[in-house]
Full PDB file with SEQRES, HELIX, SHEET, SSBOND, CRYST1, ORIGX, SCALE, CONECT and MASTER records, all heavy atoms in Angstrom:
SEQRES   1 A   35  VAL GLY LEU SER PRO SER HIS MET GLN ASN ILE PHE LYS          
SEQRES   2 A   35  ASN ALA THR GLY ASN SER ILE SER VAL TYR LEU ARG ARG          
SEQRES   3 A   35  LEU ARG LEU ASN LYS ALA ALA GLN MET                          
HELIX    1 AA1 PRO A    5  THR A   16  1                                  12    
HELIX    2 AA2 ILE A   20  GLN A   34  1                                  15    
CRYST1    1.000    1.000    1.000  90.00  90.00  90.00 P 1           1          
ORIGX1      1.000000  0.000000  0.000000        0.00000                         
ORIGX2      0.000000  1.000000  0.000000        0.00000                         
ORIGX3      0.000000  0.000000  1.000000        0.00000                         
SCALE1      1.000000  0.000000  0.000000        0.00000                         
SCALE2      0.000000  1.000000  0.000000        0.00000                         
SCALE3      0.000000  0.000000  1.000000        0.00000                         
ATOM      1  N   VAL A   1     101.270  84.020 102.586  1.00  0.00           N  
ATOM      2  CA  VAL A   1     100.577  83.237 103.613  1.00  0.00           C  
ATOM      3  C   VAL A   1      99.341  83.938 104.160  1.00  0.00           C  
ATOM      4  O   VAL A   1      98.662  83.407 105.037  1.00  0.00           O  
ATOM      5  CB  VAL A   1     101.517  82.834 104.780  1.00  0.00           C  
ATOM      6  CG1 VAL A   1     102.625  81.931 104.289  1.00  0.00           C  
ATOM      7  CG2 VAL A   1     102.074  84.041 105.499  1.00  0.00           C  
ATOM      8  N   GLY A   2      99.065  85.142 103.659  1.00  0.00           N  
ATOM      9  CA  GLY A   2      97.844  85.827 104.047  1.00  0.00           C  
ATOM     10  C   GLY A   2      97.885  86.490 105.416  1.00  0.00           C  
ATOM     11  O   GLY A   2      96.861  86.578 106.097  1.00  0.00           O  
ATOM     12  N   LEU A   3      99.060  86.958 105.817  1.00  0.00           N  
ATOM     13  CA  LEU A   3      99.205  87.651 107.101  1.00  0.00           C  
ATOM     14  C   LEU A   3      99.748  89.051 106.862  1.00  0.00           C  
ATOM     15  O   LEU A   3     100.327  89.325 105.808  1.00  0.00           O  
ATOM     16  CB  LEU A   3     100.181  86.901 108.010  1.00  0.00           C  
ATOM     17  CG  LEU A   3      99.796  85.486 108.442  1.00  0.00           C  
ATOM     18  CD1 LEU A   3     100.969  84.826 109.155  1.00  0.00           C  
ATOM     19  CD2 LEU A   3      98.572  85.516 109.332  1.00  0.00           C  
ATOM     20  N   SER A   4      99.595  89.910 107.845  1.00  0.00           N  
ATOM     21  CA  SER A   4     100.226  91.222 107.741  1.00  0.00           C  
ATOM     22  C   SER A   4     101.731  91.032 107.949  1.00  0.00           C  
ATOM     23  O   SER A   4     102.148  90.095 108.648  1.00  0.00           O  
ATOM     24  CB  SER A   4      99.665  92.176 108.789  1.00  0.00           C  
ATOM     25  OG  SER A   4     100.141  91.833 110.078  1.00  0.00           O  
ATOM     26  N   PRO A   5     102.538  91.917 107.365  1.00  0.00           N  
ATOM     27  CA  PRO A   5     103.985  91.784 107.548  1.00  0.00           C  
ATOM     28  C   PRO A   5     104.416  91.799 109.017  1.00  0.00           C  
ATOM     29  O   PRO A   5     105.276  91.010 109.420  1.00  0.00           O  
ATOM     30  CB  PRO A   5     104.549  92.995 106.796  1.00  0.00           C  
ATOM     31  CG  PRO A   5     103.536  93.265 105.740  1.00  0.00           C  
ATOM     32  CD  PRO A   5     102.210  92.956 106.384  1.00  0.00           C  
ATOM     33  N   SER A   6     103.804  92.658 109.829  1.00  0.00           N  
ATOM     34  CA  SER A   6     104.204  92.711 111.240  1.00  0.00           C  
ATOM     35  C   SER A   6     103.826  91.435 111.986  1.00  0.00           C  
ATOM     36  O   SER A   6     104.604  90.933 112.806  1.00  0.00           O  
ATOM     37  CB  SER A   6     103.602  93.940 111.931  1.00  0.00           C  
ATOM     38  OG  SER A   6     102.194  93.882 111.905  1.00  0.00           O  
ATOM     39  N   HIS A   7     102.648  90.878 111.687  1.00  0.00           N  
ATOM     40  CA  HIS A   7     102.239  89.630 112.335  1.00  0.00           C  
ATOM     41  C   HIS A   7     103.153  88.481 111.896  1.00  0.00           C  
ATOM     42  O   HIS A   7     103.569  87.655 112.708  1.00  0.00           O  
ATOM     43  CB  HIS A   7     100.773  89.325 112.017  1.00  0.00           C  
ATOM     44  CG  HIS A   7     100.212  88.182 112.794  1.00  0.00           C  
ATOM     45  ND1 HIS A   7     100.142  88.177 114.170  1.00  0.00           N  
ATOM     46  CD2 HIS A   7      99.699  86.992 112.386  1.00  0.00           C  
ATOM     47  CE1 HIS A   7      99.615  87.030 114.579  1.00  0.00           C  
ATOM     48  NE2 HIS A   7      99.341  86.296 113.512  1.00  0.00           N  
ATOM     49  N   MET A   8     103.487  88.470 110.623  1.00  0.00           N  
ATOM     50  CA  MET A   8     104.395  87.446 110.086  1.00  0.00           C  
ATOM     51  C   MET A   8     105.762  87.556 110.773  1.00  0.00           C  
ATOM     52  O   MET A   8     106.341  86.553 111.173  1.00  0.00           O  
ATOM     53  CB  MET A   8     104.537  87.652 108.572  1.00  0.00           C  
ATOM     54  CG  MET A   8     105.509  86.747 107.909  1.00  0.00           C  
ATOM     55  SD  MET A   8     104.763  85.157 107.599  1.00  0.00           S  
ATOM     56  CE  MET A   8     106.113  84.358 106.784  1.00  0.00           C  
ATOM     57  N   GLN A   9     106.261  88.786 110.928  1.00  0.00           N  
ATOM     58  CA  GLN A   9     107.543  88.995 111.600  1.00  0.00           C  
ATOM     59  C   GLN A   9     107.504  88.484 113.041  1.00  0.00           C  
ATOM     60  O   GLN A   9     108.435  87.829 113.494  1.00  0.00           O  
ATOM     61  CB  GLN A   9     107.907  90.490 111.633  1.00  0.00           C  
ATOM     62  CG  GLN A   9     108.492  91.002 110.355  1.00  0.00           C  
ATOM     63  CD  GLN A   9     109.971  90.672 110.231  1.00  0.00           C  
ATOM     64  OE1 GLN A   9     110.451  89.605 110.604  1.00  0.00           O  
ATOM     65  NE2 GLN A   9     110.701  91.590 109.644  1.00  0.00           N  
ATOM     66  N   ASN A  10     106.427  88.795 113.753  1.00  0.00           N  
ATOM     67  CA  ASN A  10     106.312  88.359 115.145  1.00  0.00           C  
ATOM     68  C   ASN A  10     106.295  86.841 115.262  1.00  0.00           C  
ATOM     69  O   ASN A  10     106.976  86.267 116.116  1.00  0.00           O  
ATOM     70  CB  ASN A  10     105.050  88.948 115.789  1.00  0.00           C  
ATOM     71  CG  ASN A  10     105.176  90.427 116.044  1.00  0.00           C  
ATOM     72  OD1 ASN A  10     106.274  90.954 116.167  1.00  0.00           O  
ATOM     73  ND2 ASN A  10     104.046  91.107 116.100  1.00  0.00           N  
ATOM     74  N   ILE A  11     105.526  86.185 114.424  1.00  0.00           N  
ATOM     75  CA  ILE A  11     105.458  84.722 114.446  1.00  0.00           C  
ATOM     76  C   ILE A  11     106.838  84.133 114.146  1.00  0.00           C  
ATOM     77  O   ILE A  11     107.314  83.231 114.847  1.00  0.00           O  
ATOM     78  CB  ILE A  11     104.415  84.201 113.436  1.00  0.00           C  
ATOM     79  CG1 ILE A  11     103.008  84.564 113.900  1.00  0.00           C  
ATOM     80  CG2 ILE A  11     104.545  82.694 113.241  1.00  0.00           C  
ATOM     81  CD1 ILE A  11     101.933  84.299 112.858  1.00  0.00           C  
ATOM     82  N   PHE A  12     107.486  84.643 113.116  1.00  0.00           N  
ATOM     83  CA  PHE A  12     108.777  84.112 112.708  1.00  0.00           C  
ATOM     84  C   PHE A  12     109.831  84.332 113.798  1.00  0.00           C  
ATOM     85  O   PHE A  12     110.589  83.425 114.128  1.00  0.00           O  
ATOM     86  CB  PHE A  12     109.227  84.767 111.395  1.00  0.00           C  
ATOM     87  CG  PHE A  12     110.384  84.075 110.747  1.00  0.00           C  
ATOM     88  CD1 PHE A  12     110.179  83.020 109.880  1.00  0.00           C  
ATOM     89  CD2 PHE A  12     111.693  84.464 111.009  1.00  0.00           C  
ATOM     90  CE1 PHE A  12     111.231  82.359 109.287  1.00  0.00           C  
ATOM     91  CE2 PHE A  12     112.760  83.824 110.425  1.00  0.00           C  
ATOM     92  CZ  PHE A  12     112.524  82.763 109.564  1.00  0.00           C  
ATOM     93  N   LYS A  13     109.860  85.539 114.345  1.00  0.00           N  
ATOM     94  CA  LYS A  13     110.866  85.844 115.371  1.00  0.00           C  
ATOM     95  C   LYS A  13     110.640  85.013 116.628  1.00  0.00           C  
ATOM     96  O   LYS A  13     111.602  84.534 117.247  1.00  0.00           O  
ATOM     97  CB  LYS A  13     110.861  87.329 115.709  1.00  0.00           C  
ATOM     98  CG  LYS A  13     112.026  87.697 116.593  1.00  0.00           C  
ATOM     99  CD  LYS A  13     112.381  89.137 116.473  1.00  0.00           C  
ATOM    100  CE  LYS A  13     113.683  89.352 117.224  1.00  0.00           C  
ATOM    101  NZ  LYS A  13     114.309  90.588 116.903  1.00  0.00           N  
ATOM    102  N   ASN A  14     109.383  84.796 117.002  1.00  0.00           N  
ATOM    103  CA  ASN A  14     109.090  83.951 118.163  1.00  0.00           C  
ATOM    104  C   ASN A  14     109.523  82.509 117.925  1.00  0.00           C  
ATOM    105  O   ASN A  14     109.985  81.834 118.837  1.00  0.00           O  
ATOM    106  CB  ASN A  14     107.607  84.008 118.519  1.00  0.00           C  
ATOM    107  CG  ASN A  14     107.214  85.323 119.155  1.00  0.00           C  
ATOM    108  OD1 ASN A  14     108.037  86.032 119.713  1.00  0.00           O  
ATOM    109  ND2 ASN A  14     105.937  85.658 119.061  1.00  0.00           N  
ATOM    110  N   ALA A  15     109.384  82.048 116.697  1.00  0.00           N  
ATOM    111  CA  ALA A  15     109.727  80.661 116.380  1.00  0.00           C  
ATOM    112  C   ALA A  15     111.230  80.441 116.201  1.00  0.00           C  
ATOM    113  O   ALA A  15     111.743  79.379 116.548  1.00  0.00           O  
ATOM    114  CB  ALA A  15     108.990  80.224 115.111  1.00  0.00           C  
ATOM    115  N   THR A  16     111.934  81.448 115.656  1.00  0.00           N  
ATOM    116  CA  THR A  16     113.340  81.234 115.308  1.00  0.00           C  
ATOM    117  C   THR A  16     114.327  82.081 116.106  1.00  0.00           C  
ATOM    118  O   THR A  16     115.516  81.781 116.120  1.00  0.00           O  
ATOM    119  CB  THR A  16     113.586  81.542 113.819  1.00  0.00           C  
ATOM    120  OG1 THR A  16     113.392  82.942 113.598  1.00  0.00           O  
ATOM    121  CG2 THR A  16     112.672  80.723 112.911  1.00  0.00           C  
ATOM    122  N   GLY A  17     113.840  83.167 116.693  1.00  0.00           N  
ATOM    123  CA  GLY A  17     114.732  84.080 117.388  1.00  0.00           C  
ATOM    124  C   GLY A  17     115.369  85.116 116.480  1.00  0.00           C  
ATOM    125  O   GLY A  17     116.126  85.964 116.934  1.00  0.00           O  
ATOM    126  N   ASN A  18     115.088  85.033 115.182  1.00  0.00           N  
ATOM    127  CA  ASN A  18     115.639  85.977 114.210  1.00  0.00           C  
ATOM    128  C   ASN A  18     114.528  86.608 113.397  1.00  0.00           C  
ATOM    129  O   ASN A  18     113.466  86.022 113.233  1.00  0.00           O  
ATOM    130  CB  ASN A  18     116.587  85.270 113.231  1.00  0.00           C  
ATOM    131  CG  ASN A  18     117.874  84.857 113.873  1.00  0.00           C  
ATOM    132  OD1 ASN A  18     118.542  85.658 114.512  1.00  0.00           O  
ATOM    133  ND2 ASN A  18     118.233  83.599 113.720  1.00  0.00           N  
ATOM    134  N   SER A  19     114.831  87.768 112.835  1.00  0.00           N  
ATOM    135  CA  SER A  19     113.876  88.377 111.911  1.00  0.00           C  
ATOM    136  C   SER A  19     113.956  87.647 110.576  1.00  0.00           C  
ATOM    137  O   SER A  19     114.945  86.958 110.282  1.00  0.00           O  
ATOM    138  CB  SER A  19     114.193  89.858 111.713  1.00  0.00           C  
ATOM    139  OG  SER A  19     115.391  90.009 110.976  1.00  0.00           O  
ATOM    140  N   ILE A  20     112.935  87.822 109.773  1.00  0.00           N  
ATOM    141  CA  ILE A  20     112.917  87.192 108.451  1.00  0.00           C  
ATOM    142  C   ILE A  20     114.056  87.734 107.597  1.00  0.00           C  
ATOM    143  O   ILE A  20     114.727  86.968 106.897  1.00  0.00           O  
ATOM    144  CB  ILE A  20     111.555  87.396 107.766  1.00  0.00           C  
ATOM    145  CG1 ILE A  20     110.481  86.610 108.525  1.00  0.00           C  
ATOM    146  CG2 ILE A  20     111.603  86.971 106.305  1.00  0.00           C  
ATOM    147  CD1 ILE A  20     109.057  86.892 108.082  1.00  0.00           C  
ATOM    148  N   SER A  21     114.312  89.022 107.657  1.00  0.00           N  
ATOM    149  CA  SER A  21     115.366  89.601 106.821  1.00  0.00           C  
ATOM    150  C   SER A  21     116.743  89.064 107.208  1.00  0.00           C  
ATOM    151  O   SER A  21     117.567  88.774 106.334  1.00  0.00           O  
ATOM    152  CB  SER A  21     115.337  91.124 106.870  1.00  0.00           C  
ATOM    153  OG  SER A  21     115.484  91.583 108.184  1.00  0.00           O  
ATOM    154  N   VAL A  22     116.999  88.893 108.493  1.00  0.00           N  
ATOM    155  CA  VAL A  22     118.272  88.308 108.938  1.00  0.00           C  
ATOM    156  C   VAL A  22     118.375  86.859 108.454  1.00  0.00           C  
ATOM    157  O   VAL A  22     119.411  86.427 107.945  1.00  0.00           O  
ATOM    158  CB  VAL A  22     118.420  88.375 110.475  1.00  0.00           C  
ATOM    159  CG1 VAL A  22     119.554  87.489 110.974  1.00  0.00           C  
ATOM    160  CG2 VAL A  22     118.631  89.808 110.910  1.00  0.00           C  
ATOM    161  N   TYR A  23     117.289  86.112 108.570  1.00  0.00           N  
ATOM    162  CA  TYR A  23     117.268  84.718 108.123  1.00  0.00           C  
ATOM    163  C   TYR A  23     117.535  84.619 106.618  1.00  0.00           C  
ATOM    164  O   TYR A  23     118.365  83.814 106.179  1.00  0.00           O  
ATOM    165  CB  TYR A  23     115.923  84.083 108.482  1.00  0.00           C  
ATOM    166  CG  TYR A  23     115.815  82.638 108.099  1.00  0.00           C  
ATOM    167  CD1 TYR A  23     116.398  81.648 108.882  1.00  0.00           C  
ATOM    168  CD2 TYR A  23     115.138  82.258 106.950  1.00  0.00           C  
ATOM    169  CE1 TYR A  23     116.299  80.307 108.531  1.00  0.00           C  
ATOM    170  CE2 TYR A  23     115.030  80.924 106.587  1.00  0.00           C  
ATOM    171  CZ  TYR A  23     115.613  79.955 107.381  1.00  0.00           C  
ATOM    172  OH  TYR A  23     115.523  78.635 107.016  1.00  0.00           O  
ATOM    173  N   LEU A  24     116.856  85.446 105.827  1.00  0.00           N  
ATOM    174  CA  LEU A  24     117.051  85.421 104.373  1.00  0.00           C  
ATOM    175  C   LEU A  24     118.477  85.814 104.005  1.00  0.00           C  
ATOM    176  O   LEU A  24     119.087  85.208 103.120  1.00  0.00           O  
ATOM    177  CB  LEU A  24     116.051  86.357 103.681  1.00  0.00           C  
ATOM    178  CG  LEU A  24     114.600  85.898 103.663  1.00  0.00           C  
ATOM    179  CD1 LEU A  24     113.706  86.993 103.096  1.00  0.00           C  
ATOM    180  CD2 LEU A  24     114.448  84.605 102.881  1.00  0.00           C  
ATOM    181  N   ARG A  25     119.017  86.831 104.688  1.00  0.00           N  
ATOM    182  CA  ARG A  25     120.385  87.255 104.409  1.00  0.00           C  
ATOM    183  C   ARG A  25     121.369  86.122 104.697  1.00  0.00           C  
ATOM    184  O   ARG A  25     122.292  85.861 103.928  1.00  0.00           O  
ATOM    185  CB  ARG A  25     120.729  88.511 105.209  1.00  0.00           C  
ATOM    186  CG  ARG A  25     122.057  89.120 104.824  1.00  0.00           C  
ATOM    187  CD  ARG A  25     122.317  90.500 105.417  1.00  0.00           C  
ATOM    188  NE  ARG A  25     122.016  90.595 106.836  1.00  0.00           N  
ATOM    189  CZ  ARG A  25     120.992  91.298 107.343  1.00  0.00           C  
ATOM    190  NH1 ARG A  25     120.172  91.952 106.564  1.00  0.00           N  
ATOM    191  NH2 ARG A  25     120.798  91.331 108.651  1.00  0.00           N  
ATOM    192  N   ARG A  26     121.180  85.418 105.803  1.00  0.00           N  
ATOM    193  CA  ARG A  26     122.072  84.285 106.128  1.00  0.00           C  
ATOM    194  C   ARG A  26     121.956  83.169 105.096  1.00  0.00           C  
ATOM    195  O   ARG A  26     122.965  82.571 104.707  1.00  0.00           O  
ATOM    196  CB  ARG A  26     121.751  83.740 107.516  1.00  0.00           C  
ATOM    197  CG  ARG A  26     122.299  84.592 108.605  1.00  0.00           C  
ATOM    198  CD  ARG A  26     122.102  83.954 109.958  1.00  0.00           C  
ATOM    199  NE  ARG A  26     122.504  84.877 111.009  1.00  0.00           N  
ATOM    200  CZ  ARG A  26     122.048  84.848 112.223  1.00  0.00           C  
ATOM    201  NH1 ARG A  26     121.167  83.934 112.577  1.00  0.00           N  
ATOM    202  NH2 ARG A  26     122.469  85.710 113.115  1.00  0.00           N  
ATOM    203  N   LEU A  27     120.734  82.881 104.656  1.00  0.00           N  
ATOM    204  CA  LEU A  27     120.561  81.868 103.606  1.00  0.00           C  
ATOM    205  C   LEU A  27     121.309  82.275 102.340  1.00  0.00           C  
ATOM    206  O   LEU A  27     121.985  81.449 101.717  1.00  0.00           O  
ATOM    207  CB  LEU A  27     119.080  81.676 103.273  1.00  0.00           C  
ATOM    208  CG  LEU A  27     118.233  80.860 104.219  1.00  0.00           C  
ATOM    209  CD1 LEU A  27     116.773  80.848 103.748  1.00  0.00           C  
ATOM    210  CD2 LEU A  27     118.751  79.436 104.322  1.00  0.00           C  
ATOM    211  N   ARG A  28     121.172  83.530 101.964  1.00  0.00           N  
ATOM    212  CA  ARG A  28     121.843  84.019 100.763  1.00  0.00           C  
ATOM    213  C   ARG A  28     123.357  83.991 100.913  1.00  0.00           C  
ATOM    214  O   ARG A  28     124.077  83.620  99.979  1.00  0.00           O  
ATOM    215  CB  ARG A  28     121.347  85.429 100.441  1.00  0.00           C  
ATOM    216  CG  ARG A  28     119.910  85.440  99.961  1.00  0.00           C  
ATOM    217  CD  ARG A  28     119.378  86.840  99.749  1.00  0.00           C  
ATOM    218  NE  ARG A  28     118.052  86.766  99.160  1.00  0.00           N  
ATOM    219  CZ  ARG A  28     117.032  87.526  99.515  1.00  0.00           C  
ATOM    220  NH1 ARG A  28     117.181  88.461 100.447  1.00  0.00           N  
ATOM    221  NH2 ARG A  28     115.860  87.392  98.928  1.00  0.00           N  
ATOM    222  N   LEU A  29     123.848  84.359 102.080  1.00  0.00           N  
ATOM    223  CA  LEU A  29     125.293  84.316 102.321  1.00  0.00           C  
ATOM    224  C   LEU A  29     125.818  82.882 102.299  1.00  0.00           C  
ATOM    225  O   LEU A  29     126.902  82.622 101.758  1.00  0.00           O  
ATOM    226  CB  LEU A  29     125.634  84.989 103.656  1.00  0.00           C  
ATOM    227  CG  LEU A  29     125.542  86.510 103.664  1.00  0.00           C  
ATOM    228  CD1 LEU A  29     125.630  87.041 105.081  1.00  0.00           C  
ATOM    229  CD2 LEU A  29     126.622  87.128 102.780  1.00  0.00           C  
ATOM    230  N   ASN A  30     125.080  81.959 102.878  1.00  0.00           N  
ATOM    231  CA  ASN A  30     125.489  80.547 102.851  1.00  0.00           C  
ATOM    232  C   ASN A  30     125.544  80.024 101.426  1.00  0.00           C  
ATOM    233  O   ASN A  30     126.467  79.301 101.051  1.00  0.00           O  
ATOM    234  CB  ASN A  30     124.558  79.688 103.705  1.00  0.00           C  
ATOM    235  CG  ASN A  30     124.735  79.913 105.185  1.00  0.00           C  
ATOM    236  OD1 ASN A  30     125.770  80.413 105.624  1.00  0.00           O  
ATOM    237  ND2 ASN A  30     123.726  79.574 105.957  1.00  0.00           N  
ATOM    238  N   LYS A  31     124.546  80.393 100.613  1.00  0.00           N  
ATOM    239  CA  LYS A  31     124.532  79.972  99.210  1.00  0.00           C  
ATOM    240  C   LYS A  31     125.733  80.562  98.472  1.00  0.00           C  
ATOM    241  O   LYS A  31     126.404  79.877  97.707  1.00  0.00           O  
ATOM    242  CB  LYS A  31     123.224  80.396  98.544  1.00  0.00           C  
ATOM    243  CG  LYS A  31     123.117  79.985  97.087  1.00  0.00           C  
ATOM    244  CD  LYS A  31     121.765  80.362  96.518  1.00  0.00           C  
ATOM    245  CE  LYS A  31     121.673  80.053  95.056  1.00  0.00           C  
ATOM    246  NZ  LYS A  31     121.239  78.713  94.757  1.00  0.00           N  
ATOM    247  N   ALA A  32     126.023  81.840  98.723  1.00  0.00           N  
ATOM    248  CA  ALA A  32     127.163  82.489  98.082  1.00  0.00           C  
ATOM    249  C   ALA A  32     128.472  81.811  98.502  1.00  0.00           C  
ATOM    250  O   ALA A  32     129.334  81.545  97.659  1.00  0.00           O  
ATOM    251  CB  ALA A  32     127.194  83.969  98.433  1.00  0.00           C  
ATOM    252  N   ALA A  33     128.616  81.525  99.780  1.00  0.00           N  
ATOM    253  CA  ALA A  33     129.836  80.870 100.265  1.00  0.00           C  
ATOM    254  C   ALA A  33     130.013  79.500  99.620  1.00  0.00           C  
ATOM    255  O   ALA A  33     131.129  79.117  99.247  1.00  0.00           O  
ATOM    256  CB  ALA A  33     129.785  80.739 101.787  1.00  0.00           C  
ATOM    257  N   GLN A  34     128.913  78.785  99.471  1.00  0.00           N  
ATOM    258  CA  GLN A  34     128.964  77.471  98.825  1.00  0.00           C  
ATOM    259  C   GLN A  34     129.434  77.607  97.374  1.00  0.00           C  
ATOM    260  O   GLN A  34     130.279  76.846  96.903  1.00  0.00           O  
ATOM    261  CB  GLN A  34     127.568  76.857  98.880  1.00  0.00           C  
ATOM    262  CG  GLN A  34     127.508  75.384  98.887  1.00  0.00           C  
ATOM    263  CD  GLN A  34     126.070  74.921  99.139  1.00  0.00           C  
ATOM    264  OE1 GLN A  34     125.093  75.574  98.755  1.00  0.00           O  
ATOM    265  NE2 GLN A  34     125.946  73.781  99.779  1.00  0.00           N  
ATOM    266  N   MET A  35     128.900  78.592  96.658  1.00  0.00           N  
ATOM    267  CA  MET A  35     129.295  78.799  95.262  1.00  0.00           C  
ATOM    268  C   MET A  35     130.737  79.283  95.157  1.00  0.00           C  
ATOM    269  O   MET A  35     131.453  78.897  94.232  1.00  0.00           O  
ATOM    270  CB  MET A  35     128.351  79.782  94.575  1.00  0.00           C  
ATOM    271  CG  MET A  35     126.990  79.186  94.260  1.00  0.00           C  
ATOM    272  SD  MET A  35     125.969  80.259  93.219  1.00  0.00           S  
ATOM    273  CE  MET A  35     125.398  81.440  94.423  1.00  0.00           C  
TER     274      MET A  35                                                      
MASTER        0    0    0    2    0    0    0    6  273    1    0    3          
END                                                                             
């Protein structure tokens, strides 16, 4: 998206309340649980 990692993290955390890594881990865990 053309942003610095720290700026991207700040935007994401402000919007969702979670870090990107926590969000990705939860998505991956949900996919694993489904499988």
